[in-house]
Amino acid sequence: MPAGPAYLQNIRARPARPRWIVRNYDLEFLKKFSMVIGFLVVLTFGLILGALYLHGTLPSERDPSVNRVVEDRIAPVGAVYAGQTGAAAQAAAAAAAAAAAASQVAYGGTLDGSVIYAQLCGGCHTSGAGGAPTLARAQWTARLAQGTETLHKHAIEGYQGAAGVMPAKGGNPALTEEQVIATVDWMVANLK
């Protein structure tokens, strides 16, 4: 027996603990797993770099107010008049603008009250919907007593009374005041 304290003899006499045993298939798995992780890291960095490149190639969005300032700055100062050719072009442009403006007016801008009544007003004034008076003179006596100016004003601006509701311009804001007045006058003239 070796010399020395008894507790050292017990430690030396114990068998050594087994170390971790790494088998070949574990090593193969770790190699492949490391390669997959490495590939994913490289792919991630590649995608990040690609995204940064694409982001740098896209044009930046400009503020609309900046665009307006640029357009105002580069707008022509005047126009060239080219004699009869220019006059014809200006006349054609004016005619096109007038046609475009007329198309924005209801019913082609007609002042025929019967056409507007048939297409718009008759919906309520024939059936009496919403308290609208029909073309019976008895239903118009109180309204006629107020005068045609008041009738025109209520038809243009709209009116809500005890008897019912009249929407402004008959519910069609594309009507001109002249069209509304012509239609009211036609209705008054055709009371029965």
Protein backbone atom coordinates (compact mmCIF):
# COMPACT_ATOMS: atom_id res chain seq x y z
CA MET A 1 0.00 0.00 0.00
CA PRO A 2 1.35 3.38 -0.84
CA ALA A 3 2.19 5.80 1.81
CA GLY A 4 0.12 8.89 2.40
CA PRO A 5 -3.16 9.94 3.85
CA ALA A 6 -6.01 7.51 3.63
CA TYR A 7 -8.36 9.82 1.73
CA LEU A 8 -5.85 10.12 -1.13
CA GLN A 9 -5.62 6.40 -1.37
CA ASN A 10 -9.40 6.17 -1.83
CA ILE A 11 -9.38 8.76 -4.62
CA ARG A 12 -6.61 7.03 -6.48
CA ALA A 13 -8.28 3.68 -6.14
CA ARG A 14 -11.52 4.80 -7.80
CA PRO A 15 -11.86 3.95 -11.47
CA ALA A 16 -11.76 6.89 -13.92
CA ARG A 17 -15.09 8.14 -15.21
CA PRO A 18 -15.73 7.38 -18.87
CA ARG A 19 -15.39 10.38 -21.20
CA TRP A 20 -17.98 11.31 -23.77
CA ILE A 21 -18.03 8.82 -26.48
CA VAL A 22 -18.56 10.34 -29.95
CA ARG A 23 -19.54 7.83 -32.54
CA ASN A 24 -18.96 8.18 -36.26
CA TYR A 25 -22.62 8.79 -37.13
CA ASP A 26 -22.72 11.63 -34.61
CA LEU A 27 -19.73 13.23 -36.29
CA GLU A 28 -21.34 12.86 -39.71
CA PHE A 29 -24.53 14.49 -38.46
CA LEU A 30 -22.62 17.41 -36.92
CA LYS A 31 -20.70 17.95 -40.18
CA LYS A 32 -23.86 17.99 -42.28
CA PHE A 33 -25.76 20.12 -39.78
CA SER A 34 -22.90 22.64 -39.69
CA MET A 35 -22.84 22.74 -43.48
CA VAL A 36 -26.60 23.41 -43.62
CA ILE A 37 -26.33 26.17 -41.02
CA GLY A 38 -23.37 27.68 -42.88
CA PHE A 39 -25.31 27.57 -46.16
CA LEU A 40 -28.31 29.28 -44.53
CA VAL A 41 -26.08 32.02 -43.09
CA VAL A 42 -24.49 32.64 -46.50
CA LEU A 43 -27.94 32.66 -48.14
CA THR A 44 -29.25 35.14 -45.57
CA PHE A 45 -26.36 37.53 -46.16
CA GLY A 46 -26.81 37.13 -49.92
CA LEU A 47 -30.50 38.03 -49.67
CA ILE A 48 -29.73 41.03 -47.47
CA LEU A 49 -27.13 42.31 -49.94
CA GLY A 50 -29.51 41.72 -52.87
CA ALA A 51 -32.27 43.64 -51.11
CA LEU A 52 -29.92 46.54 -50.36
CA TYR A 53 -28.83 46.63 -54.01
CA LEU A 54 -32.42 46.62 -55.28
CA HIS A 55 -33.43 49.29 -52.78
CA GLY A 56 -30.61 51.49 -54.03
CA THR A 57 -31.69 51.14 -57.69
CA LEU A 58 -35.32 52.17 -57.12
CA PRO A 59 -36.00 55.86 -57.75
CA SER A 60 -37.00 57.77 -54.66
CA GLU A 61 -40.54 59.02 -54.43
CA ARG A 62 -40.90 62.77 -54.81
CA ASP A 63 -43.22 64.98 -52.87
CA PRO A 64 -46.20 66.17 -55.01
CA SER A 65 -45.58 69.78 -53.98
CA VAL A 66 -42.04 69.51 -55.37
CA ASN A 67 -43.45 68.16 -58.64
CA ARG A 68 -45.82 71.13 -58.86
CA VAL A 69 -43.00 73.59 -58.27
CA VAL A 70 -40.94 71.95 -61.03
CA GLU A 71 -43.90 71.96 -63.44
CA ASP A 72 -44.56 75.64 -62.72
CA ARG A 73 -40.90 76.46 -63.24
CA ILE A 74 -40.64 74.73 -66.62
CA ALA A 75 -44.07 75.76 -67.93
CA PRO A 76 -43.96 77.88 -71.08
CA VAL A 77 -44.29 81.61 -70.58
CA GLY A 78 -46.43 82.21 -73.63
CA ALA A 79 -47.91 80.59 -76.69
CA VAL A 80 -47.04 80.96 -80.33
CA TYR A 81 -49.65 82.41 -82.66
CA ALA A 82 -49.24 80.94 -86.11
CA GLY A 83 -51.57 83.12 -88.16
CA GLN A 84 -54.64 81.47 -89.69
CA THR A 85 -53.42 78.00 -88.77
CA GLY A 86 -53.07 79.05 -85.13
CA ALA A 87 -56.47 80.77 -85.21
CA ALA A 88 -58.08 77.59 -86.52
CA ALA A 89 -56.40 75.54 -83.82
CA GLN A 90 -57.54 78.01 -81.15
CA ALA A 91 -61.09 77.94 -82.50
CA ALA A 92 -61.08 74.14 -82.50
CA ALA A 93 -59.75 74.10 -78.94
CA ALA A 94 -62.44 76.58 -77.83
CA ALA A 95 -65.15 74.47 -79.50
CA ALA A 96 -63.83 71.33 -77.82
CA ALA A 97 -63.79 73.10 -74.45
CA ALA A 98 -67.36 74.30 -74.96
CA ALA A 99 -68.48 70.79 -75.90
CA ALA A 100 -66.76 69.36 -72.84
CA ALA A 101 -68.41 71.98 -70.62
CA ALA A 102 -71.81 71.27 -72.17
CA SER A 103 -71.39 67.56 -71.51
CA GLN A 104 -70.94 68.34 -67.82
CA VAL A 105 -74.35 70.06 -67.74
CA ALA A 106 -77.34 67.82 -67.20
CA TYR A 107 -79.42 66.76 -70.19
CA GLY A 108 -77.06 68.44 -72.68
CA GLY A 109 -77.89 71.89 -71.32
CA THR A 110 -81.46 71.88 -72.63
CA LEU A 111 -83.82 74.55 -71.37
CA ASP A 112 -86.91 72.57 -72.34
CA GLY A 113 -88.76 72.14 -69.05
CA SER A 114 -90.79 69.19 -70.33
CA VAL A 115 -87.63 67.16 -71.01
CA ILE A 116 -86.19 67.81 -67.55
CA TYR A 117 -89.58 67.19 -65.90
CA ALA A 118 -89.99 63.89 -67.72
CA GLN A 119 -86.49 62.66 -66.85
CA LEU A 120 -86.08 63.99 -63.31
CA CYS A 121 -88.91 65.89 -61.68
CA GLY A 122 -91.75 63.63 -62.74
CA GLY A 123 -90.51 60.90 -60.42
CA CYS A 124 -91.79 62.79 -57.38
CA HIS A 125 -94.24 65.31 -58.86
CA THR A 126 -96.28 62.65 -60.67
CA SER A 127 -96.69 60.33 -57.67
CA GLY A 128 -96.54 62.93 -54.88
CA ALA A 129 -93.57 61.19 -53.20
CA GLY A 130 -92.09 63.03 -50.23
CA GLY A 131 -95.00 65.46 -50.15
CA ALA A 132 -94.25 66.81 -53.62
CA PRO A 133 -97.26 68.51 -55.23
CA THR A 134 -98.53 66.90 -58.41
CA LEU A 135 -99.51 69.05 -61.38
CA ALA A 136 -102.96 69.65 -59.87
CA ARG A 137 -103.61 73.41 -59.49
CA ALA A 138 -105.27 72.88 -56.10
CA GLN A 139 -101.96 71.65 -54.63
CA TRP A 140 -100.10 74.72 -55.93
CA THR A 141 -102.39 77.57 -54.80
CA ALA A 142 -100.47 78.29 -51.57
CA ARG A 143 -97.13 78.00 -53.37
CA LEU A 144 -98.20 80.25 -56.24
CA ALA A 145 -99.29 82.89 -53.73
CA GLN A 146 -95.64 83.19 -52.58
CA GLY A 147 -94.58 84.23 -56.08
CA THR A 148 -92.46 82.67 -58.79
CA GLU A 149 -89.23 84.08 -57.32
CA THR A 150 -89.81 82.02 -54.16
CA LEU A 151 -90.66 78.93 -56.23
CA HIS A 152 -87.45 79.37 -58.22
CA LYS A 153 -85.40 79.90 -55.04
CA HIS A 154 -86.84 76.80 -53.32
CA ALA A 155 -86.27 74.69 -56.44
CA ILE A 156 -82.65 75.87 -56.79
CA GLU A 157 -81.58 75.89 -53.13
CA GLY A 158 -83.91 73.21 -51.81
CA TYR A 159 -86.63 73.56 -49.24
CA GLN A 160 -88.01 71.61 -46.30
CA GLY A 161 -91.46 72.60 -45.23
CA ALA A 162 -94.36 71.11 -43.33
CA ALA A 163 -95.78 69.58 -46.52
CA GLY A 164 -92.59 67.88 -47.68
CA VAL A 165 -89.03 68.16 -48.92
CA MET A 166 -87.69 69.67 -52.14
CA PRO A 167 -84.02 68.72 -52.72
CA ALA A 168 -81.75 71.38 -54.22
CA LYS A 169 -81.97 71.34 -58.03
CA GLY A 170 -84.32 68.38 -57.83
CA GLY A 171 -81.50 66.21 -56.53
CA ASN A 172 -79.32 66.70 -59.63
CA PRO A 173 -76.51 69.18 -58.92
CA ALA A 174 -75.47 69.13 -62.61
CA LEU A 175 -78.56 71.19 -63.49
CA THR A 176 -77.93 74.87 -64.09
CA GLU A 177 -80.08 77.51 -62.43
CA GLU A 178 -81.52 78.38 -65.83
CA GLN A 179 -82.60 74.78 -66.36
CA VAL A 180 -84.29 74.67 -62.94
CA ILE A 181 -86.11 77.95 -63.59
CA ALA A 182 -87.24 76.77 -67.04
CA THR A 183 -88.57 73.53 -65.54
CA VAL A 184 -90.44 75.31 -62.73
CA ASP A 185 -91.97 77.73 -65.26
CA TRP A 186 -93.00 74.77 -67.45
CA MET A 187 -94.62 73.04 -64.46
CA VAL A 188 -96.56 76.18 -63.46
CA ALA A 189 -97.71 76.66 -67.06
CA ASN A 190 -98.97 73.07 -67.24
CA LEU A 191 -100.99 72.93 -64.00
CA LYS A 192 -104.42 71.35 -64.44
